N, C-alpha and C. Protein backbone atom coordinates (compact mmCIF):
# COMPACT_ATOMS: atom_id res chain seq x y z
N GLN A 1 163.99 59.35 72.98
CA GLN A 1 165.51 59.78 73.28
C GLN A 1 165.91 60.78 74.35
N VAL A 2 166.92 60.66 74.77
CA VAL A 2 167.16 61.56 75.63
C VAL A 2 168.71 62.15 75.40
N GLN A 3 168.14 63.64 75.25
CA GLN A 3 169.65 64.31 75.10
C GLN A 3 170.29 64.89 76.24
N LEU A 4 171.90 64.73 76.60
CA LEU A 4 172.66 65.18 77.47
C LEU A 4 173.50 65.94 77.04
N VAL A 5 173.52 67.22 77.71
CA VAL A 5 174.69 67.86 77.60
C VAL A 5 175.31 68.83 78.79
N GLU A 6 176.76 68.27 78.65
CA GLU A 6 177.63 69.10 79.53
C GLU A 6 178.04 70.15 79.57
N SER A 7 178.72 70.74 80.54
CA SER A 7 178.97 72.05 80.82
C SER A 7 180.05 72.19 81.98
N GLY A 8 180.67 73.21 82.03
CA GLY A 8 181.40 73.48 83.41
C GLY A 8 182.66 72.56 83.24
N GLY A 9 183.67 72.18 82.23
CA GLY A 9 184.67 71.62 82.01
C GLY A 9 185.58 72.91 81.92
N GLY A 10 187.03 72.79 82.03
CA GLY A 10 187.73 73.97 81.75
C GLY A 10 189.33 73.61 82.10
N LEU A 11 190.19 74.58 82.59
CA LEU A 11 191.44 74.67 83.02
C LEU A 11 191.65 74.75 84.20
N VAL A 12 192.26 74.33 85.23
CA VAL A 12 192.33 74.20 86.50
C VAL A 12 193.61 73.68 87.25
N GLN A 13 194.19 74.53 87.90
CA GLN A 13 195.51 74.29 88.15
C GLN A 13 195.48 73.13 89.41
N ALA A 14 196.33 71.95 89.72
CA ALA A 14 196.42 70.53 90.21
C ALA A 14 196.17 71.33 91.94
N GLY A 15 195.21 70.87 92.74
CA GLY A 15 194.77 71.05 94.03
C GLY A 15 193.29 72.33 94.41
N GLY A 16 192.91 72.45 92.52
CA GLY A 16 191.58 73.17 92.66
C GLY A 16 190.61 72.26 92.28
N SER A 17 189.28 73.16 92.23
CA SER A 17 188.18 72.52 92.48
C SER A 17 187.37 72.81 90.95
N LEU A 18 186.52 72.51 90.24
CA LEU A 18 185.73 72.51 89.29
C LEU A 18 184.33 71.65 89.59
N SER A 19 183.36 72.26 88.78
CA SER A 19 182.21 71.47 88.91
C SER A 19 181.45 71.30 87.34
N LEU A 20 181.46 70.20 87.34
CA LEU A 20 180.74 69.74 85.84
C LEU A 20 178.87 69.74 86.14
N SER A 21 178.40 70.17 85.11
CA SER A 21 176.81 69.50 85.10
C SER A 21 176.36 69.39 84.01
N CYS A 22 175.18 68.82 83.65
CA CYS A 22 174.79 67.79 82.94
C CYS A 22 172.88 68.01 82.62
N ALA A 23 172.38 68.35 81.82
CA ALA A 23 170.99 68.89 81.57
C ALA A 23 170.69 67.75 80.80
N ALA A 24 169.65 67.29 81.01
CA ALA A 24 168.73 66.28 80.45
C ALA A 24 167.61 66.52 79.66
N SER A 25 167.54 65.89 78.84
CA SER A 25 165.88 66.16 77.67
C SER A 25 165.08 65.46 78.57
N ALA A 26 165.33 64.50 79.12
CA ALA A 26 164.42 63.30 79.57
C ALA A 26 163.18 63.86 80.18
N ARG A 27 161.81 63.52 79.80
CA ARG A 27 160.32 63.88 80.74
C ARG A 27 160.57 62.97 82.00
N THR A 28 161.56 61.94 81.89
CA THR A 28 161.27 60.95 82.87
C THR A 28 162.71 60.77 83.90
N PHE A 29 163.40 61.84 83.65
CA PHE A 29 164.82 61.95 84.09
C PHE A 29 164.86 61.07 85.60
N SER A 30 163.85 61.49 86.33
CA SER A 30 164.10 60.70 87.74
C SER A 30 163.91 59.15 87.85
N SER A 31 163.67 58.81 86.39
CA SER A 31 163.61 57.10 86.30
C SER A 31 164.82 56.63 85.92
N TYR A 32 166.01 57.38 85.53
CA TYR A 32 167.15 57.27 85.31
C TYR A 32 168.41 56.94 85.88
N VAL A 33 169.25 55.85 85.93
CA VAL A 33 170.21 56.27 86.51
C VAL A 33 170.95 57.10 85.64
N MET A 34 171.68 58.07 86.51
CA MET A 34 173.16 58.93 86.03
C MET A 34 174.38 58.77 86.10
N GLY A 35 175.08 59.01 85.17
CA GLY A 35 176.54 58.34 85.55
C GLY A 35 177.71 59.32 84.93
N TRP A 36 178.71 59.47 85.54
CA TRP A 36 180.04 60.49 85.00
C TRP A 36 180.91 59.36 84.53
N PHE A 37 181.68 59.64 83.54
CA PHE A 37 182.50 58.60 83.05
C PHE A 37 183.48 59.79 82.22
N ARG A 38 184.88 59.41 82.32
CA ARG A 38 185.91 60.07 81.31
C ARG A 38 187.00 59.33 80.83
N GLN A 39 187.45 59.90 79.58
CA GLN A 39 188.57 59.22 79.06
C GLN A 39 189.40 60.49 78.77
N GLY A 40 191.02 59.93 79.43
CA GLY A 40 192.22 60.73 79.21
C GLY A 40 192.33 60.32 78.27
N PRO A 41 193.61 61.14 77.63
CA PRO A 41 194.67 60.92 76.15
C PRO A 41 195.16 59.14 76.37
N GLY A 42 194.77 58.91 75.34
CA GLY A 42 195.66 57.48 75.11
C GLY A 42 194.83 56.60 76.27
N LYS A 43 194.12 56.81 76.70
CA LYS A 43 193.47 55.64 77.92
C LYS A 43 191.50 55.34 77.31
N GLU A 44 191.21 54.30 78.03
CA GLU A 44 189.83 53.60 77.62
C GLU A 44 189.19 54.57 78.61
N ARG A 45 187.78 54.70 78.16
CA ARG A 45 186.96 55.37 78.87
C ARG A 45 186.62 54.61 80.53
N GLU A 46 186.06 55.23 81.43
CA GLU A 46 186.56 54.84 82.53
C GLU A 46 184.96 55.38 83.22
N PHE A 47 184.82 54.68 84.62
CA PHE A 47 183.73 54.79 85.17
C PHE A 47 184.12 55.86 86.35
N VAL A 48 183.37 57.05 86.55
CA VAL A 48 183.87 58.12 87.81
C VAL A 48 183.17 58.10 88.89
N ALA A 49 181.61 57.88 88.49
CA ALA A 49 180.80 58.12 89.59
C ALA A 49 178.95 57.94 89.28
N ALA A 50 178.46 57.28 90.17
CA ALA A 50 176.77 57.49 89.18
C ALA A 50 176.05 57.60 90.41
N ILE A 51 174.72 58.04 90.31
CA ILE A 51 174.02 58.23 91.18
C ILE A 51 172.21 57.18 91.16
N ASN A 52 171.61 56.75 91.93
CA ASN A 52 170.54 56.25 91.32
C ASN A 52 169.04 57.11 91.12
N PRO A 53 168.20 56.77 90.57
CA PRO A 53 167.31 57.51 90.54
C PRO A 53 166.74 58.40 91.22
N ASN A 54 166.58 57.97 92.52
CA ASN A 54 166.02 59.07 93.49
C ASN A 54 167.08 59.64 94.16
N GLY A 55 168.49 59.53 93.83
CA GLY A 55 169.50 60.29 94.29
C GLY A 55 169.84 59.96 96.08
N GLY A 56 169.15 58.58 96.24
CA GLY A 56 169.85 58.22 97.82
C GLY A 56 170.86 57.21 97.84
N ARG A 57 171.55 56.69 96.21
CA ARG A 57 172.64 56.17 96.55
C ARG A 57 173.57 56.82 95.43
N THR A 58 174.97 56.79 95.48
CA THR A 58 175.96 57.45 95.19
C THR A 58 177.17 56.21 94.99
N TYR A 59 177.71 56.25 93.71
CA TYR A 59 178.99 55.10 93.79
C TYR A 59 180.02 55.68 92.66
N TYR A 60 181.43 55.43 93.26
CA TYR A 60 182.52 56.08 93.03
C TYR A 60 183.50 55.27 92.76
N ALA A 61 184.23 56.01 91.68
CA ALA A 61 185.18 54.67 91.54
C ALA A 61 186.50 55.41 92.14
N GLY A 62 187.32 54.44 92.86
CA GLY A 62 188.28 54.64 94.00
C GLY A 62 189.05 55.85 93.94
N SER A 63 189.67 55.88 92.81
CA SER A 63 190.47 56.69 92.57
C SER A 63 189.84 58.30 92.66
N VAL A 64 188.61 58.22 92.47
CA VAL A 64 187.88 59.73 93.10
C VAL A 64 187.43 59.57 94.44
N LYS A 65 186.93 58.88 95.27
CA LYS A 65 186.20 58.69 96.04
C LYS A 65 186.74 59.48 97.16
N GLY A 66 186.04 60.47 97.64
CA GLY A 66 186.47 61.33 98.83
C GLY A 66 186.89 62.79 98.07
N ARG A 67 186.99 62.77 96.84
CA ARG A 67 187.20 64.10 96.10
C ARG A 67 186.18 64.71 95.25
N PHE A 68 185.47 63.84 94.82
CA PHE A 68 184.43 63.98 93.87
C PHE A 68 183.04 63.83 94.48
N THR A 69 182.11 64.39 94.15
CA THR A 69 180.76 64.15 94.52
C THR A 69 179.58 64.67 93.82
N ILE A 70 178.87 63.41 93.28
CA ILE A 70 177.92 63.30 92.42
C ILE A 70 176.37 63.68 93.08
N SER A 71 175.82 64.65 92.56
CA SER A 71 174.30 64.56 92.98
C SER A 71 173.72 65.52 91.62
N ARG A 72 172.25 64.85 92.06
CA ARG A 72 171.37 65.28 91.05
C ARG A 72 169.88 65.90 91.66
N ASP A 73 169.27 66.69 90.66
CA ASP A 73 168.35 67.52 91.14
C ASP A 73 166.89 66.95 89.87
N ASN A 74 166.10 66.10 90.43
CA ASN A 74 165.38 65.60 89.69
C ASN A 74 164.14 66.69 89.13
N ALA A 75 164.25 67.83 89.88
CA ALA A 75 163.03 69.20 89.83
C ALA A 75 163.71 69.78 88.02
N LYS A 76 164.70 70.00 88.02
CA LYS A 76 165.79 70.37 87.17
C LYS A 76 166.24 69.66 86.02
N ASN A 77 165.78 68.54 86.58
CA ASN A 77 166.95 67.20 85.03
C ASN A 77 168.17 67.79 85.24
N THR A 78 168.94 67.79 85.87
CA THR A 78 170.23 68.06 86.18
C THR A 78 171.04 67.01 87.15
N VAL A 79 172.29 66.36 86.53
CA VAL A 79 172.81 65.89 87.37
C VAL A 79 174.59 66.75 87.12
N SER A 80 175.09 67.02 88.52
CA SER A 80 176.62 67.39 88.68
C SER A 80 177.43 66.62 89.36
N LEU A 81 178.73 67.25 88.96
CA LEU A 81 179.84 66.44 89.83
C LEU A 81 180.80 67.15 90.34
N GLN A 82 180.77 67.81 91.61
CA GLN A 82 181.92 68.64 92.24
C GLN A 82 183.14 67.44 92.35
N MET A 83 183.93 68.44 91.71
CA MET A 83 185.48 67.78 91.67
C MET A 83 186.41 68.80 92.60
N LYS A 84 186.92 68.17 93.50
CA LYS A 84 188.20 68.94 94.66
C LYS A 84 189.32 68.06 94.16
N SER A 85 190.33 69.19 95.00
CA SER A 85 191.71 68.01 94.86
C SER A 85 192.18 67.55 93.93
N LEU A 86 192.05 68.67 92.56
CA LEU A 86 192.13 67.89 91.46
C LEU A 86 193.68 67.56 90.79
N GLU A 87 193.87 66.46 90.44
CA GLU A 87 195.31 65.91 90.17
C GLU A 87 195.40 66.05 88.41
N PRO A 88 196.43 66.04 88.28
CA PRO A 88 196.92 66.07 86.56
C PRO A 88 195.95 64.57 85.84
N GLU A 89 196.33 63.85 86.87
CA GLU A 89 196.01 62.90 86.35
C GLU A 89 194.12 62.54 86.32
N ASP A 90 193.31 63.82 86.82
CA ASP A 90 191.89 63.89 86.15
C ASP A 90 191.61 64.57 85.19
N THR A 91 192.68 64.93 84.23
CA THR A 91 192.79 65.24 82.74
C THR A 91 191.79 64.15 82.04
N ALA A 92 190.77 64.81 81.33
CA ALA A 92 189.73 64.01 80.57
C ALA A 92 188.98 64.77 80.26
N VAL A 93 188.09 64.11 79.01
CA VAL A 93 187.14 64.26 78.36
C VAL A 93 186.20 64.00 79.49
N TYR A 94 184.90 64.25 80.27
CA TYR A 94 183.94 63.85 80.81
C TYR A 94 182.70 63.77 80.44
N TYR A 95 181.87 62.41 80.30
CA TYR A 95 180.86 62.15 79.70
C TYR A 95 179.95 62.15 80.96
N CYS A 96 178.69 62.76 80.35
CA CYS A 96 177.73 62.50 81.43
C CYS A 96 176.38 61.11 80.63
N ALA A 97 176.06 60.19 81.26
CA ALA A 97 175.40 59.24 80.69
C ALA A 97 174.14 58.53 81.48
N ALA A 98 173.25 58.36 80.72
CA ALA A 98 171.93 57.91 81.23
C ALA A 98 171.61 56.28 81.24
N ASP A 99 171.26 55.44 82.09
CA ASP A 99 170.85 54.23 82.15
C ASP A 99 169.20 54.24 82.52
N ARG A 100 168.63 53.71 81.51
CA ARG A 100 167.42 53.49 81.80
C ARG A 100 166.59 52.36 82.87
N SER A 101 167.89 51.46 83.57
CA SER A 101 167.37 50.40 84.63
C SER A 101 168.44 50.47 85.23
N PHE A 102 168.41 49.84 86.65
CA PHE A 102 168.86 50.41 87.56
C PHE A 102 169.34 48.96 88.61
N ILE A 103 170.66 48.88 87.66
CA ILE A 103 170.97 47.38 88.26
C ILE A 103 172.75 47.81 89.24
N ALA A 104 172.38 47.72 90.38
CA ALA A 104 173.36 48.30 91.47
C ALA A 104 175.05 47.74 90.68
N THR A 105 174.80 46.25 90.80
CA THR A 105 176.00 45.68 90.17
C THR A 105 176.91 46.02 88.99
N ALA A 106 176.11 46.23 88.01
CA ALA A 106 176.44 46.83 86.66
C ALA A 106 176.28 48.37 86.43
N ILE A 107 176.52 48.92 87.40
CA ILE A 107 176.30 50.57 87.65
C ILE A 107 177.71 51.31 86.97
N MET A 108 178.73 50.37 87.13
CA MET A 108 179.99 51.29 86.73
C MET A 108 180.51 50.67 85.33
N SER A 109 179.57 49.82 85.02
CA SER A 109 180.07 49.80 83.20
C SER A 109 179.46 50.42 82.34
N SER A 110 180.11 51.30 81.32
CA SER A 110 179.63 52.19 80.56
C SER A 110 178.70 51.18 79.46
N ARG A 111 178.82 49.98 79.30
CA ARG A 111 178.01 49.22 78.23
C ARG A 111 176.49 49.30 78.83
N ARG A 112 176.24 49.30 79.92
CA ARG A 112 175.02 49.56 80.57
C ARG A 112 174.03 51.04 80.20
N TYR A 113 175.01 51.76 79.83
CA TYR A 113 174.46 53.04 79.61
C TYR A 113 174.04 53.43 78.42
N ASP A 114 172.55 54.12 78.46
CA ASP A 114 171.75 53.76 77.45
C ASP A 114 172.18 55.11 76.09
N TYR A 115 172.34 56.40 76.98
CA TYR A 115 172.22 57.98 76.18
C TYR A 115 173.99 58.43 76.80
N TRP A 116 174.22 59.15 76.01
CA TRP A 116 175.67 59.83 76.38
C TRP A 116 175.53 61.30 76.14
N GLY A 117 176.32 62.22 76.69
CA GLY A 117 176.14 63.64 76.28
C GLY A 117 177.75 63.78 75.45
N GLN A 118 178.19 64.96 74.63
CA GLN A 118 179.03 65.19 73.80
C GLN A 118 180.62 65.08 74.75
N GLY A 119 180.42 65.40 75.75
CA GLY A 119 181.83 65.26 76.68
C GLY A 119 181.97 66.60 76.66
N THR A 120 182.38 67.30 77.93
CA THR A 120 183.12 68.17 78.17
C THR A 120 184.69 68.14 78.75
N GLN A 121 185.94 69.16 78.23
CA GLN A 121 187.19 68.78 78.70
C GLN A 121 187.36 69.34 80.16
N VAL A 122 188.29 68.90 80.79
CA VAL A 122 188.71 68.98 81.91
C VAL A 122 190.35 69.18 81.93
N THR A 123 191.08 70.05 82.38
CA THR A 123 192.42 69.73 82.40
C THR A 123 193.27 70.19 83.44
N VAL A 124 193.76 69.77 84.15
CA VAL A 124 194.19 69.94 85.18
C VAL A 124 195.96 69.89 85.24
N PHE A 125 196.62 71.17 85.51
CA PHE A 125 198.17 71.51 85.27
C PHE A 125 198.67 71.45 86.58
N SER A 126 200.07 70.93 86.53
CA SER A 126 200.35 71.35 87.91
C SER A 126 201.55 72.59 87.47
């Protein structure tokens, strides 16, 4: 069982920046694909970003590419999401997720992920 705990959400003005962090309990954290998803008001959960187990490859949704950066520290069992140039449309609950297997073609699918955090709220106001 893997426990994921997100932190760093909050209220930010449009154009601002925010950083999210996710701490994982897994002893084999370095073997997991880690992803960030979000769910806005009245919307379905959507893929934001993911990173492969060794951190060498990253994946982004088109809507955040160039604005968000995902990274991981396998020594500290953490994955981060740096967000800049935030827009009101980025308002959502952000979830950290872990996938035991790395299949690049399916990395954006929430159904692939085995473990989820409780989510952290990000609100961007104009």
